[in-house]
Amino acid sequence: MNMAQYMSVSLRLPTRLLFEGRARRLTAVAPNGAFGILPNHVDFVTALVPSVLTLCLDDGAEAIFGIDEGLLVKKGHSVSVAVLRGVQGDDLDSLQHTVEARFVQMDEEERQARSALSRLEADMVRRFADLQRPAP
C-alpha cells in the first residue's frame, strides 16, 4: 500500500474554488459529529453541516474555513469538498466576524435573486394566461 504523507484537498463553492492544496490532516463536522482525516484514511463520502473546517497544510501551517452545508468525498489521496458557502479566516475570532458579515451579505443577495425569480415566474404565468384567452 502506498503510504502518503499528504493528501490533495480542494474546497469548492458553487461559483469558484476557495482552496486547493496539500494537507497532512483535515477536520470537519458531519451530521453525526466531528471527524478527522489523514492521508491514508479509508475512502468515504459524508455530508457536512455548517461548521469550521480545518486543514493542517503540508508546510505545517493551519488553514481554517467557515463553511455552510456541503459534501465531502475522500478517494485515494484526494479530498474534494463542495459547500454552498464558505470563507477562509486567519484565526477563529476573525473567522466568526467574517462568516457573520459574508453570510448575511450572501443571504441578502440570495433573497434578492429569489425575489427577481418570483417576479419573472409570475410574469411568465400572466403571459401564458394571455395566450390562452380567446381573441376578441
N, C-alpha and C. Protein backbone atom coordinates (compact mmCIF):
# COMPACT_ATOMS: atom_id res chain seq x y z
N MET A 1 0.84 -1.18 0.00
CA MET A 1 0.00 0.00 0.00
C MET A 1 0.88 1.24 0.00
N ASN A 2 0.50 2.23 -0.78
CA ASN A 2 1.23 3.48 -0.87
C ASN A 2 0.89 4.37 0.32
N MET A 3 1.85 4.57 1.22
CA MET A 3 1.61 5.38 2.41
C MET A 3 1.99 6.82 2.12
N ALA A 4 1.00 7.65 1.89
CA ALA A 4 1.24 9.04 1.54
C ALA A 4 1.43 9.89 2.80
N GLN A 5 2.18 10.95 2.66
CA GLN A 5 2.41 11.89 3.75
C GLN A 5 1.42 13.06 3.72
N TYR A 6 0.78 13.26 2.58
CA TYR A 6 -0.18 14.35 2.44
C TYR A 6 -1.28 13.93 1.49
N MET A 7 -2.33 14.73 1.43
CA MET A 7 -3.45 14.49 0.52
C MET A 7 -3.75 15.80 -0.21
N SER A 8 -4.27 15.68 -1.40
CA SER A 8 -4.69 16.85 -2.18
C SER A 8 -6.10 17.21 -1.75
N VAL A 9 -6.30 18.48 -1.42
CA VAL A 9 -7.61 18.94 -0.94
C VAL A 9 -8.08 20.07 -1.84
N SER A 10 -9.33 19.98 -2.27
CA SER A 10 -9.95 21.10 -2.98
C SER A 10 -11.26 21.43 -2.28
N LEU A 11 -11.47 22.71 -2.04
CA LEU A 11 -12.67 23.21 -1.39
C LEU A 11 -13.36 24.13 -2.39
N ARG A 12 -14.53 23.69 -2.85
CA ARG A 12 -15.23 24.40 -3.91
C ARG A 12 -16.54 25.01 -3.44
N LEU A 13 -16.80 26.21 -3.96
CA LEU A 13 -18.08 26.87 -3.79
C LEU A 13 -18.81 26.74 -5.12
N PRO A 14 -20.10 27.06 -5.19
CA PRO A 14 -20.80 26.95 -6.47
C PRO A 14 -20.20 27.81 -7.58
N THR A 15 -19.57 28.92 -7.22
CA THR A 15 -19.08 29.85 -8.23
C THR A 15 -17.56 29.90 -8.38
N ARG A 16 -16.83 29.32 -7.43
CA ARG A 16 -15.37 29.42 -7.52
C ARG A 16 -14.69 28.39 -6.63
N LEU A 17 -13.39 28.28 -6.81
CA LEU A 17 -12.56 27.41 -5.99
C LEU A 17 -12.05 28.23 -4.81
N LEU A 18 -12.36 27.83 -3.59
CA LEU A 18 -11.94 28.56 -2.40
C LEU A 18 -10.53 28.16 -1.96
N PHE A 19 -10.20 26.87 -2.09
CA PHE A 19 -8.87 26.40 -1.69
C PHE A 19 -8.50 25.18 -2.50
N GLU A 20 -7.22 25.10 -2.86
CA GLU A 20 -6.69 23.90 -3.47
C GLU A 20 -5.24 23.79 -3.04
N GLY A 21 -4.89 22.64 -2.46
CA GLY A 21 -3.53 22.46 -1.99
C GLY A 21 -3.34 21.12 -1.30
N ARG A 22 -2.18 20.97 -0.67
CA ARG A 22 -1.86 19.72 0.01
C ARG A 22 -2.02 19.90 1.52
N ALA A 23 -2.50 18.85 2.16
CA ALA A 23 -2.71 18.90 3.61
C ALA A 23 -2.29 17.57 4.23
N ARG A 24 -1.85 17.66 5.48
CA ARG A 24 -1.49 16.47 6.25
C ARG A 24 -2.67 15.95 7.06
N ARG A 25 -3.63 16.85 7.35
CA ARG A 25 -4.78 16.46 8.18
C ARG A 25 -5.94 17.39 7.87
N LEU A 26 -7.14 16.87 7.96
CA LEU A 26 -8.36 17.65 7.77
C LEU A 26 -9.31 17.31 8.90
N THR A 27 -9.97 18.32 9.47
CA THR A 27 -11.04 18.07 10.43
C THR A 27 -12.27 18.82 9.98
N ALA A 28 -13.43 18.20 10.16
CA ALA A 28 -14.70 18.79 9.76
C ALA A 28 -15.81 18.21 10.63
N VAL A 29 -17.04 18.63 10.36
CA VAL A 29 -18.17 18.17 11.16
C VAL A 29 -19.26 17.64 10.23
N ALA A 30 -19.65 16.40 10.46
CA ALA A 30 -20.74 15.75 9.73
C ALA A 30 -21.99 15.79 10.61
N PRO A 31 -23.15 15.40 10.07
CA PRO A 31 -24.36 15.40 10.91
C PRO A 31 -24.24 14.55 12.17
N ASN A 32 -23.39 13.53 12.15
CA ASN A 32 -23.25 12.67 13.33
C ASN A 32 -22.04 13.03 14.20
N GLY A 33 -21.38 14.15 13.92
CA GLY A 33 -20.29 14.60 14.77
C GLY A 33 -19.02 14.95 14.02
N ALA A 34 -18.04 15.42 14.77
CA ALA A 34 -16.76 15.84 14.20
C ALA A 34 -15.92 14.62 13.83
N PHE A 35 -15.06 14.80 12.82
CA PHE A 35 -14.19 13.71 12.40
C PHE A 35 -12.90 14.30 11.84
N GLY A 36 -11.90 13.46 11.73
CA GLY A 36 -10.62 13.85 11.15
C GLY A 36 -10.21 12.88 10.05
N ILE A 37 -9.45 13.39 9.11
CA ILE A 37 -8.96 12.56 8.00
C ILE A 37 -7.46 12.75 7.89
N LEU A 38 -6.75 11.65 7.79
CA LEU A 38 -5.32 11.64 7.49
C LEU A 38 -5.14 11.13 6.07
N PRO A 39 -3.97 11.31 5.48
CA PRO A 39 -3.78 10.94 4.07
C PRO A 39 -4.14 9.50 3.71
N ASN A 40 -3.94 8.55 4.61
CA ASN A 40 -4.19 7.15 4.28
C ASN A 40 -5.52 6.64 4.83
N HIS A 41 -6.41 7.54 5.14
CA HIS A 41 -7.74 7.20 5.66
C HIS A 41 -8.51 6.44 4.58
N VAL A 42 -9.42 5.60 5.01
CA VAL A 42 -10.25 4.84 4.09
C VAL A 42 -11.11 5.82 3.27
N ASP A 43 -11.44 5.46 2.03
CA ASP A 43 -12.29 6.29 1.18
C ASP A 43 -13.70 6.34 1.75
N PHE A 44 -14.31 7.52 1.66
CA PHE A 44 -15.70 7.64 2.10
C PHE A 44 -16.31 8.95 1.61
N VAL A 45 -17.62 9.04 1.78
CA VAL A 45 -18.38 10.23 1.42
C VAL A 45 -19.24 10.59 2.63
N THR A 46 -19.34 11.89 2.92
CA THR A 46 -20.20 12.32 4.02
C THR A 46 -20.75 13.71 3.74
N ALA A 47 -21.91 13.98 4.30
CA ALA A 47 -22.47 15.32 4.27
C ALA A 47 -21.75 16.15 5.34
N LEU A 48 -21.71 17.45 5.13
CA LEU A 48 -21.12 18.37 6.11
C LEU A 48 -22.20 19.33 6.60
N VAL A 49 -22.08 19.74 7.84
CA VAL A 49 -23.01 20.71 8.43
C VAL A 49 -22.28 22.04 8.57
N PRO A 50 -23.03 23.14 8.72
CA PRO A 50 -22.36 24.43 8.94
C PRO A 50 -21.43 24.35 10.15
N SER A 51 -20.16 24.65 9.92
CA SER A 51 -19.15 24.47 10.97
C SER A 51 -17.83 25.07 10.52
N VAL A 52 -16.79 24.71 11.25
CA VAL A 52 -15.42 25.11 10.91
C VAL A 52 -14.69 23.90 10.36
N LEU A 53 -14.06 24.06 9.21
CA LEU A 53 -13.23 23.03 8.60
C LEU A 53 -11.79 23.49 8.73
N THR A 54 -10.92 22.62 9.25
CA THR A 54 -9.52 22.99 9.41
C THR A 54 -8.63 22.04 8.62
N LEU A 55 -7.55 22.61 8.12
CA LEU A 55 -6.54 21.85 7.40
C LEU A 55 -5.18 22.11 8.02
N CYS A 56 -4.42 21.05 8.24
CA CYS A 56 -3.02 21.19 8.59
C CYS A 56 -2.27 21.01 7.28
N LEU A 57 -1.73 22.10 6.76
CA LEU A 57 -1.10 22.08 5.44
C LEU A 57 0.24 21.36 5.48
N ASP A 58 0.75 21.01 4.30
CA ASP A 58 1.99 20.23 4.26
C ASP A 58 3.19 21.00 4.79
N ASP A 59 3.11 22.34 4.88
CA ASP A 59 4.22 23.12 5.44
C ASP A 59 4.05 23.33 6.95
N GLY A 60 3.02 22.72 7.56
CA GLY A 60 2.79 22.82 8.99
C GLY A 60 1.84 23.93 9.38
N ALA A 61 1.53 24.84 8.48
CA ALA A 61 0.58 25.92 8.77
C ALA A 61 -0.84 25.36 8.85
N GLU A 62 -1.72 26.13 9.48
CA GLU A 62 -3.12 25.70 9.60
C GLU A 62 -3.99 26.66 8.81
N ALA A 63 -4.94 26.11 8.05
CA ALA A 63 -5.92 26.91 7.32
C ALA A 63 -7.28 26.58 7.90
N ILE A 64 -8.06 27.63 8.19
CA ILE A 64 -9.39 27.41 8.75
C ILE A 64 -10.44 28.07 7.85
N PHE A 65 -11.57 27.40 7.75
CA PHE A 65 -12.66 27.85 6.88
C PHE A 65 -13.98 27.75 7.62
N GLY A 66 -14.80 28.75 7.49
CA GLY A 66 -16.17 28.68 7.95
C GLY A 66 -16.99 28.21 6.77
N ILE A 67 -17.70 27.10 6.93
CA ILE A 67 -18.44 26.53 5.81
C ILE A 67 -19.91 26.35 6.15
N ASP A 68 -20.70 26.33 5.10
CA ASP A 68 -22.11 26.02 5.20
C ASP A 68 -22.25 24.54 4.88
N GLU A 69 -23.47 24.07 4.74
CA GLU A 69 -23.68 22.65 4.45
C GLU A 69 -23.02 22.28 3.11
N GLY A 70 -22.64 21.02 3.01
CA GLY A 70 -21.97 20.57 1.80
C GLY A 70 -21.73 19.08 1.80
N LEU A 71 -20.76 18.68 0.98
CA LEU A 71 -20.44 17.28 0.79
C LEU A 71 -18.94 17.11 0.72
N LEU A 72 -18.43 16.07 1.37
CA LEU A 72 -17.01 15.74 1.34
C LEU A 72 -16.85 14.36 0.74
N VAL A 73 -15.92 14.24 -0.22
CA VAL A 73 -15.61 12.96 -0.85
C VAL A 73 -14.12 12.71 -0.72
N LYS A 74 -13.76 11.60 -0.08
CA LYS A 74 -12.35 11.17 0.04
C LYS A 74 -12.16 9.96 -0.85
N LYS A 75 -11.25 10.07 -1.80
CA LYS A 75 -10.95 8.95 -2.69
C LYS A 75 -9.45 8.92 -2.93
N GLY A 76 -8.84 7.83 -2.54
CA GLY A 76 -7.39 7.74 -2.67
C GLY A 76 -6.73 8.78 -1.78
N HIS A 77 -5.85 9.57 -2.37
CA HIS A 77 -5.17 10.63 -1.63
C HIS A 77 -5.73 12.00 -1.99
N SER A 78 -6.99 12.02 -2.45
CA SER A 78 -7.65 13.28 -2.80
C SER A 78 -8.92 13.46 -1.97
N VAL A 79 -9.13 14.68 -1.54
CA VAL A 79 -10.34 15.04 -0.82
C VAL A 79 -10.98 16.21 -1.56
N SER A 80 -12.23 16.04 -1.95
CA SER A 80 -12.99 17.11 -2.59
C SER A 80 -14.12 17.51 -1.67
N VAL A 81 -14.20 18.80 -1.42
CA VAL A 81 -15.26 19.33 -0.56
C VAL A 81 -16.03 20.36 -1.38
N ALA A 82 -17.34 20.20 -1.44
CA ALA A 82 -18.21 21.15 -2.12
C ALA A 82 -19.19 21.69 -1.09
N VAL A 83 -19.23 23.01 -0.94
CA VAL A 83 -20.11 23.64 0.03
C VAL A 83 -20.88 24.78 -0.64
N LEU A 84 -22.05 25.09 -0.07
CA LEU A 84 -22.85 26.20 -0.61
C LEU A 84 -22.17 27.53 -0.38
N ARG A 85 -21.65 27.73 0.83
CA ARG A 85 -20.97 28.98 1.17
C ARG A 85 -19.76 28.67 2.02
N GLY A 86 -18.73 29.48 1.89
CA GLY A 86 -17.55 29.28 2.69
C GLY A 86 -16.64 30.49 2.64
N VAL A 87 -15.90 30.71 3.72
CA VAL A 87 -14.92 31.79 3.80
C VAL A 87 -13.70 31.27 4.54
N GLN A 88 -12.56 31.83 4.19
CA GLN A 88 -11.33 31.47 4.87
C GLN A 88 -11.01 32.54 5.90
N GLY A 89 -10.48 32.12 7.05
CA GLY A 89 -10.12 33.06 8.11
C GLY A 89 -8.70 32.84 8.57
N ASP A 90 -8.17 33.86 9.26
CA ASP A 90 -6.81 33.78 9.80
C ASP A 90 -6.80 33.10 11.16
N ASP A 91 -7.84 33.34 11.96
CA ASP A 91 -7.99 32.72 13.26
C ASP A 91 -9.47 32.61 13.55
N LEU A 92 -9.83 31.93 14.63
CA LEU A 92 -11.25 31.69 14.93
C LEU A 92 -12.02 32.98 15.21
N ASP A 93 -11.39 33.95 15.88
CA ASP A 93 -12.09 35.21 16.17
C ASP A 93 -12.42 35.96 14.89
N SER A 94 -11.43 36.13 14.03
CA SER A 94 -11.69 36.87 12.78
C SER A 94 -12.61 36.06 11.86
N LEU A 95 -12.51 34.74 11.94
CA LEU A 95 -13.38 33.90 11.11
C LEU A 95 -14.84 34.10 11.49
N GLN A 96 -15.14 34.21 12.77
CA GLN A 96 -16.51 34.41 13.21
C GLN A 96 -17.07 35.71 12.64
N HIS A 97 -16.30 36.78 12.70
CA HIS A 97 -16.76 38.06 12.16
C HIS A 97 -16.91 38.01 10.65
N THR A 98 -15.98 37.35 9.98
CA THR A 98 -16.04 37.23 8.53
C THR A 98 -17.25 36.42 8.11
N VAL A 99 -17.51 35.31 8.81
CA VAL A 99 -18.66 34.47 8.48
C VAL A 99 -19.95 35.26 8.66
N GLU A 100 -20.07 35.95 9.79
CA GLU A 100 -21.29 36.73 10.04
C GLU A 100 -21.51 37.77 8.94
N ALA A 101 -20.47 38.51 8.60
CA ALA A 101 -20.61 39.56 7.59
C ALA A 101 -20.89 38.99 6.21
N ARG A 102 -20.11 38.00 5.78
CA ARG A 102 -20.26 37.46 4.43
C ARG A 102 -21.54 36.68 4.26
N PHE A 103 -21.92 35.86 5.25
CA PHE A 103 -23.13 35.05 5.12
C PHE A 103 -24.37 35.92 5.15
N VAL A 104 -24.37 36.99 5.95
CA VAL A 104 -25.50 37.92 5.94
C VAL A 104 -25.61 38.58 4.57
N GLN A 105 -24.48 38.99 4.01
CA GLN A 105 -24.47 39.59 2.67
C GLN A 105 -24.97 38.58 1.63
N MET A 106 -24.51 37.34 1.72
CA MET A 106 -24.96 36.31 0.77
C MET A 106 -26.44 36.02 0.92
N ASP A 107 -26.94 36.01 2.17
CA ASP A 107 -28.37 35.80 2.40
C ASP A 107 -29.18 36.89 1.72
N GLU A 108 -28.73 38.13 1.84
CA GLU A 108 -29.45 39.25 1.22
C GLU A 108 -29.42 39.11 -0.31
N GLU A 109 -28.28 38.75 -0.87
CA GLU A 109 -28.18 38.56 -2.32
C GLU A 109 -29.07 37.42 -2.79
N GLU A 110 -29.12 36.33 -2.03
CA GLU A 110 -29.99 35.21 -2.38
C GLU A 110 -31.46 35.61 -2.29
N ARG A 111 -31.82 36.42 -1.27
CA ARG A 111 -33.20 36.89 -1.14
C ARG A 111 -33.58 37.74 -2.34
N GLN A 112 -32.68 38.62 -2.77
CA GLN A 112 -32.95 39.46 -3.93
C GLN A 112 -33.08 38.62 -5.20
N ALA A 113 -32.23 37.61 -5.35
CA ALA A 113 -32.31 36.74 -6.53
C ALA A 113 -33.61 35.95 -6.53
N ARG A 114 -34.02 35.43 -5.36
CA ARG A 114 -35.30 34.71 -5.28
C ARG A 114 -36.47 35.61 -5.60
N SER A 115 -36.42 36.85 -5.15
CA SER A 115 -37.48 37.81 -5.43
C SER A 115 -37.56 38.10 -6.92
N ALA A 116 -36.42 38.30 -7.56
CA ALA A 116 -36.40 38.56 -9.01
C ALA A 116 -36.92 37.34 -9.77
N LEU A 117 -36.55 36.15 -9.35
CA LEU A 117 -37.03 34.94 -10.00
C LEU A 117 -38.54 34.79 -9.84
N SER A 118 -39.06 35.11 -8.66
CA SER A 118 -40.51 35.04 -8.44
C SER A 118 -41.25 36.01 -9.36
N ARG A 119 -40.71 37.21 -9.53
CA ARG A 119 -41.34 38.18 -10.45
C ARG A 119 -41.32 37.66 -11.88
N LEU A 120 -40.22 37.06 -12.29
CA LEU A 120 -40.14 36.51 -13.65
C LEU A 120 -41.15 35.37 -13.84
N GLU A 121 -41.26 34.50 -12.84
CA GLU A 121 -42.22 33.40 -12.94
C GLU A 121 -43.65 33.92 -13.01
N ALA A 122 -43.98 34.92 -12.19
CA ALA A 122 -45.33 35.49 -12.22
C ALA A 122 -45.62 36.13 -13.57
N ASP A 123 -44.65 36.83 -14.13
CA ASP A 123 -44.83 37.46 -15.44
C ASP A 123 -45.05 36.40 -16.52
N MET A 124 -44.31 35.29 -16.45
CA MET A 124 -44.47 34.23 -17.43
C MET A 124 -45.85 33.59 -17.33
N VAL A 125 -46.34 33.39 -16.12
CA VAL A 125 -47.69 32.82 -15.94
C VAL A 125 -48.73 33.76 -16.52
N ARG A 126 -48.60 35.08 -16.28
CA ARG A 126 -49.54 36.05 -16.86
C ARG A 126 -49.52 36.01 -18.38
N ARG A 127 -48.34 35.91 -18.95
CA ARG A 127 -48.23 35.87 -20.42
C ARG A 127 -48.88 34.60 -21.00
N PHE A 128 -48.68 33.47 -20.33
CA PHE A 128 -49.35 32.24 -20.79
C PHE A 128 -50.86 32.36 -20.66
N ALA A 129 -51.33 32.98 -19.60
CA ALA A 129 -52.78 33.19 -19.42
C ALA A 129 -53.32 34.07 -20.54
N ASP A 130 -52.54 35.09 -20.91
CA ASP A 130 -52.97 35.96 -22.02
C ASP A 130 -53.04 35.20 -23.33
N LEU A 131 -52.15 34.26 -23.54
CA LEU A 131 -52.14 33.48 -24.79
C LEU A 131 -53.35 32.56 -24.85
N GLN A 132 -53.86 32.10 -23.73
CA GLN A 132 -54.98 31.18 -23.71
C GLN A 132 -56.33 31.87 -23.85
N ARG A 133 -56.37 33.19 -23.68
CA ARG A 133 -57.64 33.91 -23.82
C ARG A 133 -58.03 33.95 -25.30
N PRO A 134 -59.32 33.80 -25.56
CA PRO A 134 -59.77 33.88 -26.96
C PRO A 134 -59.56 35.29 -27.50
N ALA A 135 -59.24 35.36 -28.78
CA ALA A 135 -59.03 36.66 -29.42
C ALA A 135 -60.37 37.35 -29.57
N PRO A 136 -60.44 38.69 -29.38
CA PRO A 136 -61.73 39.40 -29.49
C PRO A 136 -62.23 39.52 -30.91
